[in-house]
N, C-alpha and C. Protein backbone atom coordinates (compact mmCIF):
# COMPACT_ATOMS: atom_id res chain seq x y z
N MET A 1 76.22 -107.39 -17.76
CA MET A 1 75.79 -108.22 -16.65
C MET A 1 77.01 -108.72 -15.88
N SER A 2 76.81 -108.85 -14.59
CA SER A 2 77.93 -109.30 -13.77
C SER A 2 78.02 -110.83 -13.77
N LYS A 3 79.17 -111.32 -13.36
CA LYS A 3 79.42 -112.75 -13.33
C LYS A 3 78.51 -113.45 -12.31
N ALA A 4 78.27 -112.81 -11.17
CA ALA A 4 77.42 -113.39 -10.12
C ALA A 4 75.97 -113.52 -10.61
N LEU A 5 75.50 -112.53 -11.35
CA LEU A 5 74.14 -112.59 -11.88
C LEU A 5 73.99 -113.72 -12.88
N LEU A 6 74.98 -113.91 -13.74
CA LEU A 6 74.93 -115.00 -14.71
C LEU A 6 74.98 -116.37 -14.03
N LYS A 7 75.77 -116.47 -12.97
CA LYS A 7 75.80 -117.73 -12.22
C LYS A 7 74.44 -118.03 -11.60
N GLY A 8 73.80 -117.00 -11.06
CA GLY A 8 72.47 -117.17 -10.47
C GLY A 8 71.43 -117.58 -11.49
N LEU A 9 71.46 -116.96 -12.67
CA LEU A 9 70.53 -117.32 -13.73
C LEU A 9 70.78 -118.74 -14.23
N ALA A 10 72.05 -119.14 -14.31
CA ALA A 10 72.37 -120.51 -14.75
C ALA A 10 71.83 -121.53 -13.74
N LEU A 11 71.98 -121.23 -12.47
CA LEU A 11 71.46 -122.13 -11.44
C LEU A 11 69.93 -122.22 -11.50
N THR A 12 69.29 -121.08 -11.73
CA THR A 12 67.83 -121.07 -11.86
C THR A 12 67.37 -121.91 -13.04
N LEU A 13 68.02 -121.75 -14.19
CA LEU A 13 67.65 -122.54 -15.37
C LEU A 13 67.91 -124.03 -15.15
N LYS A 14 68.98 -124.36 -14.46
CA LYS A 14 69.30 -125.77 -14.21
C LYS A 14 68.23 -126.43 -13.33
N THR A 15 67.78 -125.73 -12.31
CA THR A 15 66.78 -126.32 -11.41
C THR A 15 65.35 -126.15 -11.91
N PHE A 16 65.14 -125.29 -12.87
CA PHE A 16 63.79 -125.03 -13.38
C PHE A 16 63.20 -126.27 -14.06
N PHE A 17 64.01 -127.07 -14.69
CA PHE A 17 63.51 -128.21 -15.45
C PHE A 17 63.54 -129.53 -14.67
N ARG A 18 63.90 -129.51 -13.42
CA ARG A 18 63.86 -130.71 -12.59
C ARG A 18 62.45 -130.96 -12.09
N ARG A 19 62.20 -132.24 -11.71
CA ARG A 19 60.90 -132.57 -11.12
C ARG A 19 60.81 -131.94 -9.74
N PRO A 20 59.68 -131.40 -9.39
CA PRO A 20 59.55 -130.81 -8.05
C PRO A 20 59.53 -131.91 -6.98
N VAL A 21 59.98 -131.59 -5.79
CA VAL A 21 60.01 -132.53 -4.69
C VAL A 21 58.92 -132.21 -3.66
N THR A 22 57.95 -131.43 -4.07
CA THR A 22 56.88 -131.03 -3.18
C THR A 22 55.99 -132.22 -2.85
N VAL A 23 55.65 -132.35 -1.57
CA VAL A 23 54.73 -133.39 -1.11
C VAL A 23 53.41 -132.72 -0.80
N GLN A 24 52.34 -133.23 -1.35
CA GLN A 24 51.01 -132.69 -1.09
C GLN A 24 50.56 -133.19 0.28
N TYR A 25 50.95 -132.47 1.34
CA TYR A 25 50.93 -132.97 2.71
C TYR A 25 49.63 -133.61 3.22
N PRO A 26 48.52 -132.98 3.24
CA PRO A 26 47.41 -133.69 3.89
C PRO A 26 47.04 -135.00 3.19
N ASP A 27 47.19 -135.03 1.88
CA ASP A 27 46.83 -136.23 1.13
C ASP A 27 47.96 -137.25 1.08
N GLU A 28 49.18 -136.78 1.04
CA GLU A 28 50.34 -137.65 0.90
C GLU A 28 51.31 -137.35 2.04
N LYS A 29 51.66 -138.38 2.80
CA LYS A 29 52.54 -138.19 3.93
C LYS A 29 53.91 -138.77 3.64
N ARG A 30 54.93 -138.08 4.09
CA ARG A 30 56.30 -138.55 3.90
C ARG A 30 56.56 -139.72 4.84
N PRO A 31 57.31 -140.70 4.40
CA PRO A 31 57.66 -141.80 5.31
C PRO A 31 58.64 -141.31 6.37
N VAL A 32 58.47 -141.82 7.57
CA VAL A 32 59.37 -141.42 8.66
C VAL A 32 60.49 -142.44 8.78
N PRO A 33 61.65 -142.03 9.27
CA PRO A 33 62.74 -142.99 9.46
C PRO A 33 62.38 -144.06 10.48
N GLU A 34 63.07 -145.17 10.45
CA GLU A 34 62.76 -146.30 11.32
C GLU A 34 62.91 -145.93 12.79
N ARG A 35 63.89 -145.13 13.14
CA ARG A 35 64.12 -144.77 14.54
C ARG A 35 63.45 -143.46 14.93
N PHE A 36 62.45 -143.03 14.18
CA PHE A 36 61.72 -141.81 14.48
C PHE A 36 61.00 -141.94 15.81
N ARG A 37 61.00 -140.88 16.61
CA ARG A 37 60.33 -140.88 17.90
C ARG A 37 59.13 -139.96 17.85
N GLY A 38 57.97 -140.54 17.58
CA GLY A 38 56.73 -139.79 17.58
C GLY A 38 56.05 -139.88 18.93
N ARG A 39 54.74 -139.81 18.93
CA ARG A 39 53.99 -139.86 20.18
C ARG A 39 54.16 -141.21 20.86
N PRO A 40 54.44 -141.22 22.17
CA PRO A 40 54.51 -142.50 22.88
C PRO A 40 53.17 -143.22 22.84
N ALA A 41 53.22 -144.54 22.76
CA ALA A 41 52.01 -145.35 22.69
C ALA A 41 52.16 -146.57 23.60
N LEU A 42 51.06 -146.98 24.20
CA LEU A 42 51.06 -148.19 25.03
C LEU A 42 50.75 -149.40 24.16
N VAL A 43 51.42 -150.49 24.42
CA VAL A 43 51.20 -151.73 23.69
C VAL A 43 50.13 -152.53 24.41
N ALA A 44 49.21 -153.11 23.66
CA ALA A 44 48.11 -153.88 24.24
C ALA A 44 48.44 -155.36 24.28
N ARG A 45 47.89 -156.03 25.28
CA ARG A 45 47.98 -157.49 25.34
C ARG A 45 46.92 -158.06 24.41
N GLU A 46 46.83 -159.39 24.38
CA GLU A 46 45.85 -160.05 23.51
C GLU A 46 44.42 -159.73 23.92
N ASP A 47 44.19 -159.48 25.21
CA ASP A 47 42.84 -159.18 25.69
C ASP A 47 42.46 -157.71 25.53
N GLY A 48 43.36 -156.89 25.00
CA GLY A 48 43.05 -155.49 24.74
C GLY A 48 43.47 -154.53 25.84
N LEU A 49 43.88 -155.04 26.99
CA LEU A 49 44.33 -154.20 28.09
C LEU A 49 45.80 -153.82 27.88
N PRO A 50 46.24 -152.72 28.49
CA PRO A 50 47.65 -152.35 28.34
C PRO A 50 48.58 -153.40 28.94
N ARG A 51 49.73 -153.57 28.35
CA ARG A 51 50.73 -154.51 28.83
C ARG A 51 51.42 -154.00 30.09
N CYS A 52 51.24 -152.75 30.41
CA CYS A 52 51.90 -152.09 31.55
C CYS A 52 51.57 -152.80 32.86
N VAL A 53 52.60 -153.02 33.70
CA VAL A 53 52.42 -153.65 35.01
C VAL A 53 52.50 -152.63 36.13
N ALA A 54 52.50 -151.36 35.82
CA ALA A 54 52.49 -150.25 36.77
C ALA A 54 53.70 -150.27 37.70
N CYS A 55 54.87 -150.56 37.15
CA CYS A 55 56.09 -150.57 37.97
C CYS A 55 56.55 -149.14 38.27
N GLY A 56 56.21 -148.19 37.42
CA GLY A 56 56.55 -146.80 37.67
C GLY A 56 57.93 -146.38 37.22
N LEU A 57 58.67 -147.25 36.54
CA LEU A 57 60.02 -146.88 36.08
C LEU A 57 59.98 -145.75 35.06
N CYS A 58 59.00 -145.77 34.16
CA CYS A 58 58.91 -144.70 33.16
C CYS A 58 58.64 -143.36 33.84
N GLU A 59 57.82 -143.38 34.87
CA GLU A 59 57.50 -142.16 35.60
C GLU A 59 58.74 -141.63 36.33
N LYS A 60 59.52 -142.51 36.92
CA LYS A 60 60.70 -142.09 37.67
C LYS A 60 61.81 -141.61 36.76
N LEU A 61 61.93 -142.18 35.57
CA LEU A 61 63.03 -141.84 34.68
C LEU A 61 62.73 -140.66 33.76
N CYS A 62 61.49 -140.27 33.63
CA CYS A 62 61.10 -139.20 32.71
C CYS A 62 61.73 -137.87 33.15
N PRO A 63 62.56 -137.24 32.30
CA PRO A 63 63.21 -135.98 32.69
C PRO A 63 62.24 -134.80 32.75
N SER A 64 61.15 -134.86 32.02
CA SER A 64 60.20 -133.74 32.02
C SER A 64 59.01 -133.97 32.93
N LEU A 65 58.98 -135.08 33.65
CA LEU A 65 57.92 -135.41 34.62
C LEU A 65 56.53 -135.34 34.00
N CYS A 66 56.38 -135.91 32.82
CA CYS A 66 55.10 -135.83 32.13
C CYS A 66 54.27 -137.11 32.26
N ILE A 67 54.81 -138.15 32.88
CA ILE A 67 54.11 -139.42 33.01
C ILE A 67 53.66 -139.61 34.46
N THR A 68 52.40 -140.04 34.63
CA THR A 68 51.87 -140.37 35.94
C THR A 68 51.29 -141.77 35.86
N VAL A 69 51.77 -142.67 36.72
CA VAL A 69 51.31 -144.05 36.76
C VAL A 69 50.71 -144.31 38.14
N THR A 70 49.49 -144.85 38.17
CA THR A 70 48.84 -145.21 39.42
C THR A 70 48.56 -146.70 39.38
N ALA A 71 48.99 -147.40 40.44
CA ALA A 71 48.81 -148.84 40.51
C ALA A 71 47.68 -149.19 41.47
N GLU A 72 47.13 -150.39 41.27
CA GLU A 72 46.12 -150.94 42.17
C GLU A 72 46.38 -152.43 42.32
N THR A 73 45.77 -153.02 43.30
CA THR A 73 45.90 -154.45 43.48
C THR A 73 44.79 -155.13 42.69
N GLY A 74 45.20 -155.91 41.72
CA GLY A 74 44.25 -156.58 40.84
C GLY A 74 43.79 -157.90 41.41
N PRO A 75 43.14 -158.72 40.60
CA PRO A 75 42.67 -160.03 41.06
C PRO A 75 43.84 -160.93 41.44
N GLY A 76 43.71 -161.60 42.55
CA GLY A 76 44.77 -162.50 43.02
C GLY A 76 45.92 -161.76 43.68
N GLY A 77 45.73 -160.51 44.06
CA GLY A 77 46.78 -159.75 44.72
C GLY A 77 47.90 -159.30 43.81
N ILE A 78 47.70 -159.34 42.51
CA ILE A 78 48.71 -158.94 41.53
C ILE A 78 48.60 -157.44 41.27
N ARG A 79 49.73 -156.78 41.20
CA ARG A 79 49.76 -155.35 40.90
C ARG A 79 49.26 -155.11 39.48
N ALA A 80 48.38 -154.14 39.31
CA ALA A 80 47.80 -153.84 38.00
C ALA A 80 47.75 -152.34 37.79
N LEU A 81 47.61 -151.94 36.55
CA LEU A 81 47.55 -150.53 36.18
C LEU A 81 46.16 -149.99 36.46
N ALA A 82 46.08 -148.94 37.27
CA ALA A 82 44.80 -148.29 37.54
C ALA A 82 44.61 -147.08 36.63
N HIS A 83 45.68 -146.28 36.49
CA HIS A 83 45.57 -145.06 35.71
C HIS A 83 46.94 -144.73 35.12
N TYR A 84 46.97 -144.40 33.83
CA TYR A 84 48.20 -143.99 33.16
C TYR A 84 47.91 -142.67 32.46
N ARG A 85 48.71 -141.66 32.74
CA ARG A 85 48.50 -140.33 32.18
C ARG A 85 49.80 -139.83 31.59
N LEU A 86 49.74 -139.32 30.36
CA LEU A 86 50.91 -138.76 29.69
C LEU A 86 50.55 -137.37 29.18
N ASP A 87 51.31 -136.38 29.63
CA ASP A 87 51.07 -134.99 29.24
C ASP A 87 52.01 -134.65 28.09
N LEU A 88 51.49 -134.64 26.86
CA LEU A 88 52.32 -134.35 25.69
C LEU A 88 52.74 -132.89 25.63
N ASN A 89 52.10 -132.02 26.42
CA ASN A 89 52.53 -130.62 26.49
C ASN A 89 53.93 -130.52 27.09
N ARG A 90 54.28 -131.44 27.97
CA ARG A 90 55.57 -131.42 28.65
C ARG A 90 56.58 -132.41 28.06
N CYS A 91 56.12 -133.40 27.31
CA CYS A 91 56.97 -134.48 26.82
C CYS A 91 58.04 -133.94 25.87
N SER A 92 59.27 -134.42 26.04
CA SER A 92 60.37 -134.01 25.17
C SER A 92 60.69 -135.09 24.13
N PHE A 93 59.92 -136.17 24.08
CA PHE A 93 60.06 -137.25 23.10
C PHE A 93 61.48 -137.82 23.11
N CYS A 94 62.03 -137.98 24.29
CA CYS A 94 63.41 -138.46 24.42
C CYS A 94 63.51 -139.97 24.30
N GLY A 95 62.45 -140.70 24.61
CA GLY A 95 62.45 -142.15 24.50
C GLY A 95 63.00 -142.87 25.71
N LEU A 96 63.30 -142.16 26.80
CA LEU A 96 63.81 -142.82 28.00
C LEU A 96 62.76 -143.73 28.64
N CYS A 97 61.49 -143.38 28.50
CA CYS A 97 60.43 -144.23 29.05
C CYS A 97 60.40 -145.57 28.33
N VAL A 98 60.67 -145.57 27.05
CA VAL A 98 60.69 -146.80 26.27
C VAL A 98 61.85 -147.69 26.71
N GLU A 99 63.00 -147.09 26.92
CA GLU A 99 64.18 -147.84 27.34
C GLU A 99 64.04 -148.39 28.75
N ALA A 100 63.31 -147.68 29.62
CA ALA A 100 63.19 -148.09 31.02
C ALA A 100 62.18 -149.20 31.23
N CYS A 101 61.22 -149.34 30.37
CA CYS A 101 60.12 -150.29 30.58
C CYS A 101 60.62 -151.74 30.51
N PRO A 102 60.45 -152.51 31.61
CA PRO A 102 60.95 -153.89 31.62
C PRO A 102 60.08 -154.85 30.82
N VAL A 103 58.84 -154.51 30.56
CA VAL A 103 57.93 -155.41 29.84
C VAL A 103 57.60 -154.91 28.44
N GLU A 104 58.33 -153.89 27.97
CA GLU A 104 58.12 -153.30 26.65
C GLU A 104 56.66 -152.91 26.42
N ALA A 105 56.10 -152.22 27.40
CA ALA A 105 54.70 -151.81 27.33
C ALA A 105 54.52 -150.46 26.65
N ILE A 106 55.58 -149.70 26.47
CA ILE A 106 55.47 -148.39 25.83
C ILE A 106 56.48 -148.31 24.69
N VAL A 107 56.04 -147.78 23.57
CA VAL A 107 56.88 -147.61 22.39
C VAL A 107 56.68 -146.21 21.83
N MET A 108 57.59 -145.79 20.97
CA MET A 108 57.43 -144.52 20.28
C MET A 108 56.77 -144.82 18.94
N SER A 109 55.62 -144.23 18.69
CA SER A 109 54.87 -144.51 17.46
C SER A 109 55.38 -143.62 16.32
N ASP A 110 54.77 -143.78 15.16
CA ASP A 110 55.11 -142.98 13.99
C ASP A 110 54.29 -141.70 13.90
N GLU A 111 53.40 -141.48 14.85
CA GLU A 111 52.50 -140.33 14.76
C GLU A 111 53.22 -139.04 15.07
N TYR A 112 53.14 -138.08 14.15
CA TYR A 112 53.79 -136.78 14.35
C TYR A 112 52.80 -135.63 14.22
N GLU A 113 51.56 -135.90 13.95
CA GLU A 113 50.56 -134.84 13.84
C GLU A 113 49.94 -134.63 15.21
N LEU A 114 50.51 -133.73 15.98
CA LEU A 114 50.10 -133.54 17.36
C LEU A 114 49.51 -132.16 17.61
N ALA A 115 49.13 -131.45 16.58
CA ALA A 115 48.58 -130.12 16.76
C ALA A 115 47.20 -130.19 17.40
N ALA A 116 46.94 -129.25 18.32
CA ALA A 116 45.65 -129.18 18.99
C ALA A 116 45.33 -127.72 19.28
N ALA A 117 44.05 -127.42 19.41
CA ALA A 117 43.62 -126.05 19.66
C ALA A 117 43.87 -125.64 21.11
N GLY A 118 43.92 -126.60 22.01
CA GLY A 118 44.14 -126.28 23.41
C GLY A 118 45.08 -127.30 24.05
N ARG A 119 45.24 -127.20 25.36
CA ARG A 119 46.13 -128.11 26.07
C ARG A 119 45.46 -129.43 26.43
N GLU A 120 44.18 -129.43 26.64
CA GLU A 120 43.48 -130.62 27.11
C GLU A 120 43.58 -131.82 26.18
N PRO A 121 43.50 -131.66 24.85
CA PRO A 121 43.62 -132.83 23.97
C PRO A 121 45.00 -133.49 24.00
N LEU A 122 46.00 -132.78 24.50
CA LEU A 122 47.35 -133.32 24.53
C LEU A 122 47.68 -134.03 25.85
N VAL A 123 46.71 -134.15 26.72
CA VAL A 123 46.87 -134.93 27.94
C VAL A 123 46.16 -136.25 27.69
N CYS A 124 46.95 -137.33 27.58
CA CYS A 124 46.42 -138.63 27.15
C CYS A 124 46.32 -139.59 28.31
N ASP A 125 45.26 -140.38 28.33
CA ASP A 125 45.14 -141.47 29.29
C ASP A 125 45.46 -142.78 28.58
N ALA A 126 45.37 -143.88 29.30
CA ALA A 126 45.74 -145.19 28.74
C ALA A 126 44.89 -145.54 27.52
N GLY A 127 43.62 -145.21 27.52
CA GLY A 127 42.74 -145.53 26.40
C GLY A 127 43.17 -144.85 25.12
N ARG A 128 43.55 -143.59 25.21
CA ARG A 128 43.96 -142.86 24.02
C ARG A 128 45.36 -143.29 23.56
N LEU A 129 46.23 -143.64 24.50
CA LEU A 129 47.57 -144.08 24.13
C LEU A 129 47.56 -145.46 23.49
N LEU A 130 46.58 -146.29 23.82
CA LEU A 130 46.46 -147.60 23.18
C LEU A 130 46.07 -147.47 21.72
N ALA A 131 45.38 -146.39 21.38
CA ALA A 131 44.89 -146.21 20.02
C ALA A 131 45.90 -145.57 19.10
N ALA A 132 47.14 -145.38 19.56
CA ALA A 132 48.14 -144.70 18.74
C ALA A 132 48.53 -145.56 17.54
N PRO A 133 48.61 -144.95 16.34
CA PRO A 133 48.98 -145.69 15.15
C PRO A 133 50.47 -145.90 15.05
N GLY A 134 50.90 -146.54 13.99
CA GLY A 134 52.33 -146.68 13.72
C GLY A 134 52.89 -147.96 14.28
N ARG A 135 54.05 -147.85 14.91
CA ARG A 135 54.77 -149.02 15.40
C ARG A 135 54.28 -149.44 16.78
N ALA A 136 53.03 -149.24 17.10
CA ALA A 136 52.53 -149.50 18.45
C ALA A 136 52.63 -150.94 18.87
N GLY A 137 52.75 -151.89 17.97
CA GLY A 137 52.83 -153.27 18.38
C GLY A 137 54.17 -153.92 18.14
N GLU A 138 55.17 -153.15 17.74
CA GLU A 138 56.44 -153.73 17.35
C GLU A 138 57.46 -153.86 18.46
N GLY A 139 57.21 -153.33 19.63
CA GLY A 139 58.21 -153.37 20.69
C GLY A 139 59.20 -152.22 20.53
N ARG A 140 60.40 -152.41 21.02
CA ARG A 140 61.39 -151.32 20.98
C ARG A 140 61.85 -151.04 19.57
N SER A 141 62.13 -149.78 19.31
CA SER A 141 62.64 -149.41 18.00
C SER A 141 63.98 -148.74 18.12
């Protein structure tokens, strides 16, 4: 037997008796790092509406042009959010929208399971972005 073969067998025997590091994925999920950038999520106010004031900074700063913000004049002549759309098909998860937001209305959540059968489920409106799990209420990460 050659020396290389014996080294390979020794390595196999050494690792054979260790505990496996396999994670049973659907049932058991690995913890994500604190600064992980998952799906963007909108933060809700106490009344359940998005904290977003429709300033449009996230839309202007987005390098992949995946965010669309539409504003309207709310009660008392105050600018309010009419429509918020995020296309996850185009999103690069860079986090620039989070950094640009002056009122901390958007955060990067812990959600990483974004698989879909088509493109339509990956185009999110404000209602779906409010329901994002993870760090959705913690502010900037």
